[in-house]
Protein backbone atom coordinates (compact mmCIF):
# COMPACT_ATOMS: atom_id res chain seq x y z
CA MET A 1 186.77 136.39 92.41
CA ALA A 2 186.53 139.06 95.00
CA LYS A 3 189.64 140.94 95.99
CA GLU A 4 189.70 139.56 99.44
CA ASP A 5 189.54 136.14 98.24
CA ASP A 6 192.60 136.67 95.89
CA PRO A 7 195.38 134.43 97.07
CA PHE A 8 198.05 136.57 95.18
CA ASP A 9 197.28 139.51 97.54
CA THR A 10 199.29 137.74 100.42
CA PHE A 11 202.38 137.21 98.31
CA SER A 12 204.82 139.94 97.49
CA SER A 13 205.96 140.53 93.83
CA GLU A 14 209.33 139.33 94.88
CA THR A 15 207.86 136.01 95.90
CA MET A 16 206.04 135.61 92.83
CA LYS A 17 209.05 136.68 90.72
CA ARG A 18 211.17 133.94 92.64
CA ALA A 19 208.53 131.38 91.71
CA GLU A 20 208.66 132.26 87.96
CA GLU A 21 212.66 132.22 88.05
CA MET A 22 212.44 128.75 89.55
CA CYS A 23 209.91 127.52 87.00
CA ALA A 24 212.21 128.90 84.23
CA GLY A 25 214.91 126.37 85.13
CA LEU A 26 212.72 123.33 85.23
CA SER A 27 212.58 120.49 82.65
CA LEU A 28 209.33 119.89 80.67
CA ASN A 29 209.94 116.22 80.00
CA MET A 30 210.16 114.92 83.53
CA SER A 31 207.18 112.94 84.77
CA LEU A 32 207.58 109.20 85.75
CA GLU A 33 205.13 106.69 87.28
CA ARG A 34 206.79 104.78 90.03
CA ARG A 35 206.10 102.77 93.20
CA GLY A 36 202.26 102.48 93.22
CA HIS A 37 200.31 105.59 92.25
CA SER A 38 202.92 108.19 92.75
CA LYS A 39 204.05 110.59 89.90
CA LEU A 40 207.46 112.12 90.23
CA TYR A 41 208.57 115.37 89.01
CA HIS A 42 211.80 117.47 89.10
CA GLY A 43 211.36 120.58 91.07
CA ALA A 44 212.85 123.09 93.50
CA VAL A 45 212.17 124.24 97.01
CA THR A 46 213.18 127.47 98.61
CA ASP A 47 212.80 128.87 102.21
CA LEU A 48 211.21 132.30 101.58
CA ASP A 49 212.40 133.51 105.05
CA ASP A 50 216.08 132.74 104.16
CA PRO A 51 217.73 135.96 102.97
CA LYS A 52 219.91 134.06 100.61
CA LYS A 53 216.79 132.32 99.01
CA ARG A 54 218.73 129.37 97.70
CA ASN A 55 216.93 126.89 95.38
CA ILE A 56 217.25 123.17 96.44
CA SER A 57 216.67 120.69 93.86
CA VAL A 58 214.24 118.02 94.75
CA THR A 59 212.17 115.09 93.46
CA VAL A 60 208.45 115.62 94.15
CA ALA A 61 206.26 112.71 94.55
CA GLU A 62 202.56 113.42 94.26
CA VAL A 63 200.20 110.60 95.38
CA ASP A 64 196.51 110.70 94.52
CA ASN A 65 195.67 114.50 95.16
CA GLN A 66 196.74 114.46 98.78
CA PRO A 67 197.22 117.77 100.52
CA TYR A 68 200.94 117.04 100.79
CA PHE A 69 203.76 115.85 98.73
CA THR A 70 207.00 113.86 99.54
CA LEU A 71 210.12 115.51 98.54
CA VAL A 72 213.39 113.79 98.04
CA SER A 73 216.66 115.63 97.97
CA ASP A 74 220.40 114.78 97.74
CA ARG A 75 221.09 116.99 100.80
CA PRO A 76 219.23 117.36 103.93
CA LEU A 77 216.47 119.98 104.30
CA THR A 78 216.10 121.84 107.46
CA ALA A 79 212.58 122.48 108.80
CA CYS A 80 210.80 125.54 107.06
CA ARG A 81 207.36 127.03 107.89
CA ASN A 82 207.47 129.19 104.70
CA ALA A 83 208.70 127.26 101.73
CA LEU A 84 207.97 127.86 98.02
CA LEU A 85 207.84 124.59 95.95
CA VAL A 86 207.87 124.75 92.30
CA TYR A 87 207.69 121.94 89.70
CA ARG A 88 206.53 121.53 86.09
CA VAL A 89 204.23 118.93 84.86
CA PRO A 90 203.65 118.22 81.10
CA PRO A 91 202.35 119.83 79.06
CA SER A 92 204.34 122.94 80.37
CA GLN A 93 202.03 123.53 83.45
CA ASP A 94 203.86 125.23 86.31
CA MET A 95 202.91 124.06 89.81
CA LYS A 96 203.55 126.53 92.65
CA TYR A 97 202.74 125.94 96.27
CA VAL A 98 203.72 127.54 99.52
CA GLY A 99 203.86 125.10 102.34
CA LYS A 100 205.90 123.87 105.32
CA HIS A 101 207.96 120.84 106.13
CA GLY A 102 210.06 119.42 109.01
CA ASP A 103 213.63 118.20 108.82
CA SER A 104 214.43 115.63 106.34
CA GLN A 105 215.20 112.12 107.25
CA PRO A 106 217.70 109.74 105.37
CA GLY A 107 216.11 107.40 103.01
CA LYS A 108 215.19 103.88 104.47
CA ARG A 109 215.14 101.79 101.44
CA GLY A 110 218.50 100.10 101.59
CA GLU A 111 222.22 101.38 101.34
CA GLU A 112 221.82 103.10 97.87
CA ASP A 113 218.96 105.27 99.39
CA GLN A 114 220.81 106.47 102.51
CA SER A 115 222.39 109.52 100.48
CA ARG A 116 218.74 110.73 99.74
CA HIS A 117 216.81 112.87 102.16
CA VAL A 118 213.16 112.62 102.53
CA VAL A 119 210.38 114.78 103.93
CA ARG A 120 206.72 115.61 103.74
CA PHE A 121 205.73 119.01 102.25
CA ASN A 122 202.38 120.18 103.67
CA ILE A 123 200.62 122.58 101.15
CA LEU A 124 199.30 125.83 102.68
CA ARG A 125 198.45 127.74 99.54
CA ASP A 126 198.48 127.09 95.80
CA VAL A 127 200.05 130.19 94.19
CA ARG A 128 199.50 129.44 90.62
CA GLN A 129 198.23 132.05 88.49
CA ARG A 130 194.97 131.11 86.91
């Protein structure tokens, strides 16, 4: 791979360190098949432009290799144009993407779902080390 094609040149060592820290806190045994062809994983998302860089726990729904994921959180997510999403798929493969998302919306699948917040995460870059 040519140096100018290396996606890691666009990310600071701090961003990559943050992704590694987020991966360290993820469970290895969370992968569930639900609702059609979706695969669900535990993950975390953080706004890279936020000085506090808080991780927010999310459920990541991956559907048939689409260029986006659906994120479900227990708290509202505000729009972000530079977010890092990290989750782990068995057997211990860390998935790391930089992307963007709008403001989350309350769940619409009944009363029990109203405490969940849902948003589409559009992938901009895959930042896994290969």
